[in-house]
Amino acid sequence: MCLGTGKSNADPFLRWSVFFDEREPNLNEAVLAAYWTVKVGIDLKSLGVGFDVDVFVLEAKDKNSVTRLVRGAELAEASGFINEAEEAWRAIRDRMRGTAGEIAEPPTMPA
């Protein structure tokens, strides 16, 4: 399960109906969605949301559940995807304005 910030200005931007219309997200996709949603809340200076993004996953270990902090290279891949997506949105914006050059290939979700 992926939980967002609960902030009305962040959660709707990541359209689940676009990204996950055919199936539930896998763990990497859910990490991306959680990271991206909280990052938007921070970037928008949402009340009560700030500092850095902390992403945790709940994993089964033996017969218990443990949390693991996602960091470093795992979040770098998500950041790269977010940058690619933002560039694709800018290309769409430019196309709407009639100032577009060649449209770039859309980014692919991390595996």
C-alpha atoms as a PDB file:
ATOM      1  CA  MET A   1       0.000   0.000   0.000  1.00  0.00           C
ATOM      2  CA  CYS A   2       1.244   3.482  -0.778  1.00  0.00           C
ATOM      3  CA  LEU A   3       0.188   6.370   1.419  1.00  0.00           C
ATOM      4  CA  GLY A   4       0.568   9.970   0.354  1.00  0.00           C
ATOM      5  CA  THR A   5       0.768  13.083   2.455  1.00  0.00           C
ATOM      6  CA  GLY A   6      -2.965  13.407   2.898  1.00  0.00           C
ATOM      7  CA  LYS A   7      -2.590  16.954   1.580  1.00  0.00           C
ATOM      8  CA  SER A   8      -5.219  17.784  -1.014  1.00  0.00           C
ATOM      9  CA  ASN A   9      -2.693  19.697  -3.127  1.00  0.00           C
ATOM     10  CA  ALA A  10      -0.308  16.749  -3.496  1.00  0.00           C
ATOM     11  CA  ASP A  11      -2.197  13.455  -3.670  1.00  0.00           C
ATOM     12  CA  PRO A  12      -4.333  14.113  -6.774  1.00  0.00           C
ATOM     13  CA  PHE A  13      -1.389  15.114  -8.996  1.00  0.00           C
ATOM     14  CA  LEU A  14      -0.137  11.529  -9.210  1.00  0.00           C
ATOM     15  CA  ARG A  15      -3.050  10.155 -11.161  1.00  0.00           C
ATOM     16  CA  TRP A  16      -3.418   6.540 -10.095  1.00  0.00           C
ATOM     17  CA  SER A  17      -5.879   6.116 -12.946  1.00  0.00           C
ATOM     18  CA  VAL A  18      -3.071   6.935 -15.395  1.00  0.00           C
ATOM     19  CA  PHE A  19      -0.088   5.158 -13.853  1.00  0.00           C
ATOM     20  CA  PHE A  20      -1.808   2.137 -12.311  1.00  0.00           C
ATOM     21  CA  ASP A  21      -4.950   1.595 -14.366  1.00  0.00           C
ATOM     22  CA  GLU A  22      -4.131  -2.016 -15.251  1.00  0.00           C
ATOM     23  CA  ARG A  23      -2.723  -3.344 -11.962  1.00  0.00           C
ATOM     24  CA  GLU A  24      -1.594  -2.427  -8.489  1.00  0.00           C
ATOM     25  CA  PRO A  25       1.928  -0.948  -8.280  1.00  0.00           C
ATOM     26  CA  ASN A  26       4.847  -3.210  -7.454  1.00  0.00           C
ATOM     27  CA  LEU A  27       7.090  -2.254  -4.516  1.00  0.00           C
ATOM     28  CA  ASN A  28       9.440  -0.042  -6.576  1.00  0.00           C
ATOM     29  CA  GLU A  29       6.499   1.758  -8.168  1.00  0.00           C
ATOM     30  CA  ALA A  30       4.854   2.259  -4.765  1.00  0.00           C
ATOM     31  CA  VAL A  31       8.111   3.669  -3.369  1.00  0.00           C
ATOM     32  CA  LEU A  32       8.260   6.047  -6.344  1.00  0.00           C
ATOM     33  CA  ALA A  33       4.638   7.122  -5.845  1.00  0.00           C
ATOM     34  CA  ALA A  34       5.100   7.715  -2.102  1.00  0.00           C
ATOM     35  CA  TYR A  35       8.381   9.588  -2.593  1.00  0.00           C
ATOM     36  CA  TRP A  36       6.986  11.714  -5.415  1.00  0.00           C
ATOM     37  CA  THR A  37       3.770  12.569  -3.575  1.00  0.00           C
ATOM     38  CA  VAL A  38       5.544  13.681  -0.391  1.00  0.00           C
ATOM     39  CA  LYS A  39       8.170  15.556  -2.454  1.00  0.00           C
ATOM     40  CA  VAL A  40       5.377  17.523  -4.152  1.00  0.00           C
ATOM     41  CA  GLY A  41       3.881  18.361  -0.758  1.00  0.00           C
ATOM     42  CA  ILE A  42       7.265  19.655   0.413  1.00  0.00           C
ATOM     43  CA  ASP A  43       7.936  21.559  -2.832  1.00  0.00           C
ATOM     44  CA  LEU A  44       4.521  23.236  -2.556  1.00  0.00           C
ATOM     45  CA  LYS A  45       5.348  24.348   1.001  1.00  0.00           C
ATOM     46  CA  SER A  46       2.274  22.514   2.314  1.00  0.00           C
ATOM     47  CA  LEU A  47       1.437  23.281   5.914  1.00  0.00           C
ATOM     48  CA  GLY A  48       2.818  20.566   8.173  1.00  0.00           C
ATOM     49  CA  VAL A  49       5.012  18.968   5.490  1.00  0.00           C
ATOM     50  CA  GLY A  50       8.709  19.754   5.236  1.00  0.00           C
ATOM     51  CA  PHE A  51      12.339  18.825   5.549  1.00  0.00           C
ATOM     52  CA  ASP A  52      13.450  15.730   3.620  1.00  0.00           C
ATOM     53  CA  VAL A  53      11.371  12.844   2.348  1.00  0.00           C
ATOM     54  CA  ASP A  54      11.591   9.647   4.390  1.00  0.00           C
ATOM     55  CA  VAL A  55      10.273   6.528   2.695  1.00  0.00           C
ATOM     56  CA  PHE A  56       9.869   3.308   4.643  1.00  0.00           C
ATOM     57  CA  VAL A  57       8.702  -0.104   3.468  1.00  0.00           C
ATOM     58  CA  LEU A  58       7.265  -2.862   5.597  1.00  0.00           C
ATOM     59  CA  GLU A  59       8.904  -6.232   4.899  1.00  0.00           C
ATOM     60  CA  ALA A  60       8.346  -9.736   6.199  1.00  0.00           C
ATOM     61  CA  LYS A  61      11.349 -11.104   8.072  1.00  0.00           C
ATOM     62  CA  ASP A  62      11.058 -14.550   9.577  1.00  0.00           C
ATOM     63  CA  LYS A  63       7.583 -14.449  11.135  1.00  0.00           C
ATOM     64  CA  ASN A  64       7.673 -10.734  11.909  1.00  0.00           C
ATOM     65  CA  SER A  65       7.272  -7.530   9.966  1.00  0.00           C
ATOM     66  CA  VAL A  66      10.099  -5.012   9.982  1.00  0.00           C
ATOM     67  CA  THR A  67      10.439  -1.547   8.514  1.00  0.00           C
ATOM     68  CA  ARG A  68      13.264  -0.578   6.204  1.00  0.00           C
ATOM     69  CA  LEU A  69      14.275   2.970   5.316  1.00  0.00           C
ATOM     70  CA  VAL A  70      14.584   3.422   1.559  1.00  0.00           C
ATOM     71  CA  ARG A  71      17.524   5.659   0.687  1.00  0.00           C
ATOM     72  CA  GLY A  72      20.461   6.341  -1.588  1.00  0.00           C
ATOM     73  CA  ALA A  73      20.466   4.555  -4.916  1.00  0.00           C
ATOM     74  CA  GLU A  74      16.868   3.403  -4.573  1.00  0.00           C
ATOM     75  CA  LEU A  75      15.643   6.998  -4.286  1.00  0.00           C
ATOM     76  CA  ALA A  76      18.099   8.225  -6.937  1.00  0.00           C
ATOM     77  CA  GLU A  77      16.285   6.051  -9.485  1.00  0.00           C
ATOM     78  CA  ALA A  78      12.962   7.580  -8.420  1.00  0.00           C
ATOM     79  CA  SER A  79      14.441  11.096  -8.664  1.00  0.00           C
ATOM     80  CA  GLY A  80      15.635  10.341 -12.181  1.00  0.00           C
ATOM     81  CA  PHE A  81      12.165   9.193 -13.193  1.00  0.00           C
ATOM     82  CA  ILE A  82      10.592  12.308 -11.669  1.00  0.00           C
ATOM     83  CA  ASN A  83      13.006  14.528 -13.629  1.00  0.00           C
ATOM     84  CA  GLU A  84      12.172  12.672 -16.864  1.00  0.00           C
ATOM     85  CA  ALA A  85       8.438  12.986 -16.188  1.00  0.00           C
ATOM     86  CA  GLU A  86       8.760  16.711 -15.502  1.00  0.00           C
ATOM     87  CA  GLU A  87      10.618  17.165 -18.787  1.00  0.00           C
ATOM     88  CA  ALA A  88       7.866  15.255 -20.606  1.00  0.00           C
ATOM     89  CA  TRP A  89       5.241  17.534 -18.999  1.00  0.00           C
ATOM     90  CA  ARG A  90       7.247  20.591 -20.076  1.00  0.00           C
ATOM     91  CA  ALA A  91       7.236  19.229 -23.634  1.00  0.00           C
ATOM     92  CA  ILE A  92       3.439  18.875 -23.434  1.00  0.00           C
ATOM     93  CA  ARG A  93       3.203  22.434 -22.083  1.00  0.00           C
ATOM     94  CA  ASP A  94       5.334  23.719 -24.958  1.00  0.00           C
ATOM     95  CA  ARG A  95       3.206  21.802 -27.437  1.00  0.00           C
ATOM     96  CA  MET A  96       0.055  23.390 -25.996  1.00  0.00           C
ATOM     97  CA  ARG A  97       1.682  26.819 -26.368  1.00  0.00           C
ATOM     98  CA  GLY A  98       2.701  26.043 -29.940  1.00  0.00           C
ATOM     99  CA  THR A  99       6.393  26.324 -29.088  1.00  0.00           C
ATOM    100  CA  ALA A 100       7.241  22.626 -29.045  1.00  0.00           C
ATOM    101  CA  GLY A 101      10.174  21.089 -30.750  1.00  0.00           C
ATOM    102  CA  GLU A 102      10.410  17.345 -31.075  1.00  0.00           C
ATOM    103  CA  ILE A 103       8.483  15.437 -28.400  1.00  0.00           C
ATOM    104  CA  ALA A 104      10.721  13.279 -26.229  1.00  0.00           C
ATOM    105  CA  GLU A 105       9.951   9.659 -25.473  1.00  0.00           C
ATOM    106  CA  PRO A 106       7.950   9.317 -22.248  1.00  0.00           C
ATOM    107  CA  PRO A 107       9.840   7.958 -19.224  1.00  0.00           C
ATOM    108  CA  THR A 108       9.388   4.357 -18.115  1.00  0.00           C
ATOM    109  CA  MET A 109       8.579   3.379 -14.558  1.00  0.00           C
ATOM    110  CA  PRO A 110      11.440   1.839 -12.555  1.00  0.00           C
ATOM    111  CA  ALA A 111      11.409  -1.958 -12.611  1.00  0.00           C
END
